[in-house]
Amino acid sequence: MSNRTTLYLLMALAVAAIGLRMWSASNLAAWEDNLAMHISKYKSIVETCDDLELRREEAPKGSDETSFRKHFQRQAHKALMGDVNVSVNPLAAKKTYVDKRFEIEFLKAADGFSRPSLRMFLFSSEQKYPRIRTTALNLRPIGGSGRSRGIEPGVDREDIWEITKLEFRQRTPIGQKN
């Protein structure tokens, strides 16, 4: 092989090496971006799984009246709202679902509750038990007749509320018979 042929061959190999290096560098950047994206998605999946596992462990296991009473009592204690009376009233079954209505009565109602306590109780009660939603919530400020006409405008009052009515409902779908 002549020197000139060797030189052309080496130059072609150098150009090919430069082209491959540029292609691999751009491809490497794309691979690193995809890897970072997959790592972040994996982390969010793991966090979601951990959250679901925690919620599943904390979820009540039964569907009888005592299970519901324990659930609402536990949420009231966590929100520092005292003891509750829970009356469970099953409603007439429809073709595709069965409803249960839960009327909650607080025993510590004379003192009233702050907004964060109410929010925590309502959120936890709905989040931890499947298919439970608040259907009725009537509040009245403590220290008044429930109407703001008796309070002078611009006067500050405490953010303490009395619950006059609280009702939850659980709708359970009925499985289709084959």
C-alpha atoms as a PDB file:
ATOM      1  CA  MET A   1       0.000   0.000   0.000  1.00  0.00           C
ATOM      2  CA  SER A   2       1.337   3.402  -0.888  1.00  0.00           C
ATOM      3  CA  ASN A   3       1.784   6.280   1.471  1.00  0.00           C
ATOM      4  CA  ARG A   4      -0.901   8.272  -0.276  1.00  0.00           C
ATOM      5  CA  THR A   5      -3.496   5.481   0.096  1.00  0.00           C
ATOM      6  CA  THR A   6      -2.552   5.067   3.727  1.00  0.00           C
ATOM      7  CA  LEU A   7      -2.953   8.810   4.276  1.00  0.00           C
ATOM      8  CA  TYR A   8      -6.422   8.814   2.661  1.00  0.00           C
ATOM      9  CA  LEU A   9      -7.455   5.786   4.676  1.00  0.00           C
ATOM     10  CA  LEU A  10      -6.278   7.382   7.931  1.00  0.00           C
ATOM     11  CA  MET A  11      -8.053  10.649   7.039  1.00  0.00           C
ATOM     12  CA  ALA A  12     -11.282   8.744   6.292  1.00  0.00           C
ATOM     13  CA  LEU A  13     -10.978   6.911   9.592  1.00  0.00           C
ATOM     14  CA  ALA A  14     -10.352  10.234  11.411  1.00  0.00           C
ATOM     15  CA  VAL A  15     -13.435  11.823   9.789  1.00  0.00           C
ATOM     16  CA  ALA A  16     -15.495   8.740  10.669  1.00  0.00           C
ATOM     17  CA  ALA A  17     -14.180   8.846  14.246  1.00  0.00           C
ATOM     18  CA  ILE A  18     -15.069  12.552  14.542  1.00  0.00           C
ATOM     19  CA  GLY A  19     -18.558  11.889  13.151  1.00  0.00           C
ATOM     20  CA  LEU A  20     -19.109   8.943  15.504  1.00  0.00           C
ATOM     21  CA  ARG A  21     -17.877  10.988  18.457  1.00  0.00           C
ATOM     22  CA  MET A  22     -20.306  13.815  17.631  1.00  0.00           C
ATOM     23  CA  TRP A  23     -23.170  11.349  17.151  1.00  0.00           C
ATOM     24  CA  SER A  24     -22.373   9.541  20.414  1.00  0.00           C
ATOM     25  CA  ALA A  25     -22.074  12.846  22.308  1.00  0.00           C
ATOM     26  CA  SER A  26     -25.529  13.957  21.128  1.00  0.00           C
ATOM     27  CA  ASN A  27     -26.921  10.515  21.776  1.00  0.00           C
ATOM     28  CA  LEU A  28     -25.326  10.460  25.227  1.00  0.00           C
ATOM     29  CA  ALA A  29     -27.034  13.737  26.122  1.00  0.00           C
ATOM     30  CA  ALA A  30     -30.384  12.300  25.026  1.00  0.00           C
ATOM     31  CA  TRP A  31     -29.741   9.134  27.050  1.00  0.00           C
ATOM     32  CA  GLU A  32     -28.792  11.175  30.132  1.00  0.00           C
ATOM     33  CA  ASP A  33     -31.956  13.307  29.777  1.00  0.00           C
ATOM     34  CA  ASN A  34     -34.101  10.198  29.447  1.00  0.00           C
ATOM     35  CA  LEU A  35     -32.371   8.591  32.417  1.00  0.00           C
ATOM     36  CA  ALA A  36     -32.981  11.672  34.581  1.00  0.00           C
ATOM     37  CA  MET A  37     -36.631  11.761  33.484  1.00  0.00           C
ATOM     38  CA  HIS A  38     -37.076   8.063  34.276  1.00  0.00           C
ATOM     39  CA  ILE A  39     -35.438   8.471  37.680  1.00  0.00           C
ATOM     40  CA  SER A  40     -37.820  11.315  38.578  1.00  0.00           C
ATOM     41  CA  LYS A  41     -40.824   9.306  37.346  1.00  0.00           C
ATOM     42  CA  TYR A  42     -39.635   6.301  39.313  1.00  0.00           C
ATOM     43  CA  LYS A  43     -39.346   8.438  42.451  1.00  0.00           C
ATOM     44  CA  SER A  44     -42.898   9.734  42.003  1.00  0.00           C
ATOM     45  CA  ILE A  45     -44.150   6.170  41.476  1.00  0.00           C
ATOM     46  CA  VAL A  46     -42.381   4.994  44.639  1.00  0.00           C
ATOM     47  CA  GLU A  47     -43.810   7.940  46.618  1.00  0.00           C
ATOM     48  CA  THR A  48     -47.307   7.201  45.309  1.00  0.00           C
ATOM     49  CA  CYS A  49     -46.944   3.522  46.219  1.00  0.00           C
ATOM     50  CA  ASP A  50     -45.726   4.413  49.709  1.00  0.00           C
ATOM     51  CA  ASP A  51     -48.656   6.806  50.154  1.00  0.00           C
ATOM     52  CA  LEU A  52     -51.119   4.155  49.000  1.00  0.00           C
ATOM     53  CA  GLU A  53     -49.559   1.581  51.297  1.00  0.00           C
ATOM     54  CA  LEU A  54     -49.830   3.955  54.257  1.00  0.00           C
ATOM     55  CA  ARG A  55     -53.443   4.810  53.396  1.00  0.00           C
ATOM     56  CA  ARG A  56     -54.254   1.121  53.019  1.00  0.00           C
ATOM     57  CA  GLU A  57     -52.756   0.298  56.412  1.00  0.00           C
ATOM     58  CA  GLU A  58     -54.694   3.136  58.055  1.00  0.00           C
ATOM     59  CA  ALA A  59     -57.937   2.368  56.238  1.00  0.00           C
ATOM     60  CA  PRO A  60     -60.690   0.764  58.269  1.00  0.00           C
ATOM     61  CA  LYS A  61     -61.138  -2.890  57.521  1.00  0.00           C
ATOM     62  CA  GLY A  62     -64.838  -3.446  58.149  1.00  0.00           C
ATOM     63  CA  SER A  63     -68.094  -2.176  56.736  1.00  0.00           C
ATOM     64  CA  ASP A  64     -70.243  -2.645  59.828  1.00  0.00           C
ATOM     65  CA  GLU A  65     -71.540   0.115  62.119  1.00  0.00           C
ATOM     66  CA  THR A  66     -68.810  -0.251  64.744  1.00  0.00           C
ATOM     67  CA  SER A  67     -66.140   0.161  62.101  1.00  0.00           C
ATOM     68  CA  PHE A  68     -67.685   3.443  60.956  1.00  0.00           C
ATOM     69  CA  ARG A  69     -68.071   4.657  64.523  1.00  0.00           C
ATOM     70  CA  LYS A  70     -64.439   3.872  65.303  1.00  0.00           C
ATOM     71  CA  HIS A  71     -63.338   5.629  62.106  1.00  0.00           C
ATOM     72  CA  PHE A  72     -65.190   8.875  62.862  1.00  0.00           C
ATOM     73  CA  GLN A  73     -64.184   8.741  66.541  1.00  0.00           C
ATOM     74  CA  ARG A  74     -60.504   8.326  65.583  1.00  0.00           C
ATOM     75  CA  GLN A  75     -60.674  11.273  63.170  1.00  0.00           C
ATOM     76  CA  ALA A  76     -62.373  13.450  65.807  1.00  0.00           C
ATOM     77  CA  HIS A  77     -59.653  12.644  68.350  1.00  0.00           C
ATOM     78  CA  LYS A  78     -56.911  13.412  65.823  1.00  0.00           C
ATOM     79  CA  ALA A  79     -58.540  16.793  65.131  1.00  0.00           C
ATOM     80  CA  LEU A  80     -58.899  17.439  68.905  1.00  0.00           C
ATOM     81  CA  MET A  81     -62.678  17.623  68.658  1.00  0.00           C
ATOM     82  CA  GLY A  82     -63.594  15.255  71.488  1.00  0.00           C
ATOM     83  CA  ASP A  83     -66.117  12.445  71.345  1.00  0.00           C
ATOM     84  CA  VAL A  84     -68.757  11.945  68.679  1.00  0.00           C
ATOM     85  CA  ASN A  85     -72.026  10.082  68.379  1.00  0.00           C
ATOM     86  CA  VAL A  86     -72.511   8.430  65.010  1.00  0.00           C
ATOM     87  CA  SER A  87     -75.866   7.190  63.819  1.00  0.00           C
ATOM     88  CA  VAL A  88     -75.766   4.978  60.747  1.00  0.00           C
ATOM     89  CA  ASN A  89     -78.913   4.972  58.621  1.00  0.00           C
ATOM     90  CA  PRO A  90     -79.011   2.690  55.598  1.00  0.00           C
ATOM     91  CA  LEU A  91     -81.084   4.156  52.792  1.00  0.00           C
ATOM     92  CA  ALA A  92     -83.229   2.274  50.314  1.00  0.00           C
ATOM     93  CA  ALA A  93     -81.104   0.399  47.793  1.00  0.00           C
ATOM     94  CA  LYS A  94     -81.258   1.478  44.163  1.00  0.00           C
ATOM     95  CA  LYS A  95     -80.587  -0.705  41.132  1.00  0.00           C
ATOM     96  CA  THR A  96     -76.877   0.044  40.926  1.00  0.00           C
ATOM     97  CA  TYR A  97     -75.863   1.253  44.403  1.00  0.00           C
ATOM     98  CA  VAL A  98     -76.575   1.217  48.136  1.00  0.00           C
ATOM     99  CA  ASP A  99     -76.279   4.344  50.284  1.00  0.00           C
ATOM    100  CA  LYS A 100     -75.486   4.678  53.983  1.00  0.00           C
ATOM    101  CA  ARG A 101     -75.995   7.991  55.763  1.00  0.00           C
ATOM    102  CA  PHE A 102     -73.931   8.899  58.813  1.00  0.00           C
ATOM    103  CA  GLU A 103     -75.166  11.660  61.108  1.00  0.00           C
ATOM    104  CA  ILE A 104     -72.401  12.984  63.345  1.00  0.00           C
ATOM    105  CA  GLU A 105     -73.103  14.695  66.650  1.00  0.00           C
ATOM    106  CA  PHE A 106     -70.233  16.196  68.652  1.00  0.00           C
ATOM    107  CA  LEU A 107     -70.412  15.928  72.434  1.00  0.00           C
ATOM    108  CA  LYS A 108     -68.029  18.873  72.949  1.00  0.00           C
ATOM    109  CA  ALA A 109     -70.145  21.184  70.788  1.00  0.00           C
ATOM    110  CA  ALA A 110     -70.664  23.882  73.450  1.00  0.00           C
ATOM    111  CA  ASP A 111     -67.018  24.983  73.209  1.00  0.00           C
ATOM    112  CA  GLY A 112     -67.039  25.129  69.409  1.00  0.00           C
ATOM    113  CA  PHE A 113     -64.295  24.229  66.994  1.00  0.00           C
ATOM    114  CA  SER A 114     -61.691  26.160  65.075  1.00  0.00           C
ATOM    115  CA  ARG A 115     -61.579  26.123  61.292  1.00  0.00           C
ATOM    116  CA  PRO A 116     -58.350  24.073  61.102  1.00  0.00           C
ATOM    117  CA  SER A 117     -59.892  21.384  63.345  1.00  0.00           C
ATOM    118  CA  LEU A 118     -63.000  21.244  61.180  1.00  0.00           C
ATOM    119  CA  ARG A 119     -60.929  21.075  58.015  1.00  0.00           C
ATOM    120  CA  MET A 120     -58.731  18.301  59.413  1.00  0.00           C
ATOM    121  CA  PHE A 121     -61.728  16.248  60.564  1.00  0.00           C
ATOM    122  CA  LEU A 122     -63.599  16.559  57.268  1.00  0.00           C
ATOM    123  CA  PHE A 123     -60.552  15.889  55.107  1.00  0.00           C
ATOM    124  CA  SER A 124     -59.400  12.865  57.114  1.00  0.00           C
ATOM    125  CA  SER A 125     -62.887  11.393  57.325  1.00  0.00           C
ATOM    126  CA  GLU A 126     -63.344  11.498  53.571  1.00  0.00           C
ATOM    127  CA  GLN A 127     -59.806  10.519  52.638  1.00  0.00           C
ATOM    128  CA  LYS A 128     -59.333   7.440  54.812  1.00  0.00           C
ATOM    129  CA  TYR A 129     -62.621   5.653  54.103  1.00  0.00           C
ATOM    130  CA  PRO A 130     -63.598   4.758  50.534  1.00  0.00           C
ATOM    131  CA  ARG A 131     -66.552   6.489  48.871  1.00  0.00           C
ATOM    132  CA  ILE A 132     -67.510   8.700  51.843  1.00  0.00           C
ATOM    133  CA  ARG A 133     -68.476  12.293  51.072  1.00  0.00           C
ATOM    134  CA  THR A 134     -69.838  15.168  53.141  1.00  0.00           C
ATOM    135  CA  THR A 135     -73.448  15.801  52.111  1.00  0.00           C
ATOM    136  CA  ALA A 136     -74.582  18.273  54.782  1.00  0.00           C
ATOM    137  CA  LEU A 137     -72.584  20.720  56.889  1.00  0.00           C
ATOM    138  CA  ASN A 138     -74.223  23.559  58.774  1.00  0.00           C
ATOM    139  CA  LEU A 139     -72.029  25.869  60.845  1.00  0.00           C
ATOM    140  CA  ARG A 140     -72.873  28.730  63.162  1.00  0.00           C
ATOM    141  CA  PRO A 141     -70.421  31.116  64.818  1.00  0.00           C
ATOM    142  CA  ILE A 142     -70.181  30.723  68.575  1.00  0.00           C
ATOM    143  CA  GLY A 143     -71.412  33.649  70.645  1.00  0.00           C
ATOM    144  CA  GLY A 144     -74.219  34.760  68.387  1.00  0.00           C
ATOM    145  CA  SER A 145     -77.595  33.776  67.140  1.00  0.00           C
ATOM    146  CA  GLY A 146     -76.101  32.572  63.908  1.00  0.00           C
ATOM    147  CA  ARG A 147     -76.871  35.800  62.104  1.00  0.00           C
ATOM    148  CA  SER A 148     -74.357  38.567  61.685  1.00  0.00           C
ATOM    149  CA  ARG A 149     -76.916  41.399  62.182  1.00  0.00           C
ATOM    150  CA  GLY A 150     -76.326  41.484  65.928  1.00  0.00           C
ATOM    151  CA  ILE A 151     -72.575  42.030  65.574  1.00  0.00           C
ATOM    152  CA  GLU A 152     -71.275  45.506  64.919  1.00  0.00           C
ATOM    153  CA  PRO A 153     -69.391  45.936  61.651  1.00  0.00           C
ATOM    154  CA  GLY A 154     -65.624  45.944  62.054  1.00  0.00           C
ATOM    155  CA  VAL A 155     -65.685  44.090  65.377  1.00  0.00           C
ATOM    156  CA  ASP A 156     -63.341  41.136  65.528  1.00  0.00           C
ATOM    157  CA  ARG A 157     -64.706  37.884  66.809  1.00  0.00           C
ATOM    158  CA  GLU A 158     -63.113  34.550  67.435  1.00  0.00           C
ATOM    159  CA  ASP A 159     -62.980  32.049  64.603  1.00  0.00           C
ATOM    160  CA  ILE A 160     -64.842  29.407  66.605  1.00  0.00           C
ATOM    161  CA  TRP A 161     -67.743  27.544  65.062  1.00  0.00           C
ATOM    162  CA  GLU A 162     -70.568  25.312  66.249  1.00  0.00           C
ATOM    163  CA  ILE A 163     -71.652  22.431  64.047  1.00  0.00           C
ATOM    164  CA  THR A 164     -75.426  22.292  63.899  1.00  0.00           C
ATOM    165  CA  LYS A 165     -75.597  19.506  61.326  1.00  0.00           C
ATOM    166  CA  LEU A 166     -72.982  17.186  59.852  1.00  0.00           C
ATOM    167  CA  GLU A 167     -73.855  14.322  57.560  1.00  0.00           C
ATOM    168  CA  PHE A 168     -71.755  11.954  55.494  1.00  0.00           C
ATOM    169  CA  ARG A 169     -72.893   9.518  52.843  1.00  0.00           C
ATOM    170  CA  GLN A 170     -71.226   6.383  51.508  1.00  0.00           C
ATOM    171  CA  ARG A 171     -72.340   5.091  48.138  1.00  0.00           C
ATOM    172  CA  THR A 172     -71.386   1.484  47.418  1.00  0.00           C
ATOM    173  CA  PRO A 173     -71.946   0.111  43.918  1.00  0.00           C
ATOM    174  CA  ILE A 174     -73.762  -3.184  43.584  1.00  0.00           C
ATOM    175  CA  GLY A 175     -71.973  -5.791  41.481  1.00  0.00           C
ATOM    176  CA  GLN A 176     -73.725  -7.056  38.379  1.00  0.00           C
ATOM    177  CA  LYS A 177     -74.932 -10.639  38.419  1.00  0.00           C
ATOM    178  CA  ASN A 178     -73.854 -12.824  35.511  1.00  0.00           C
END
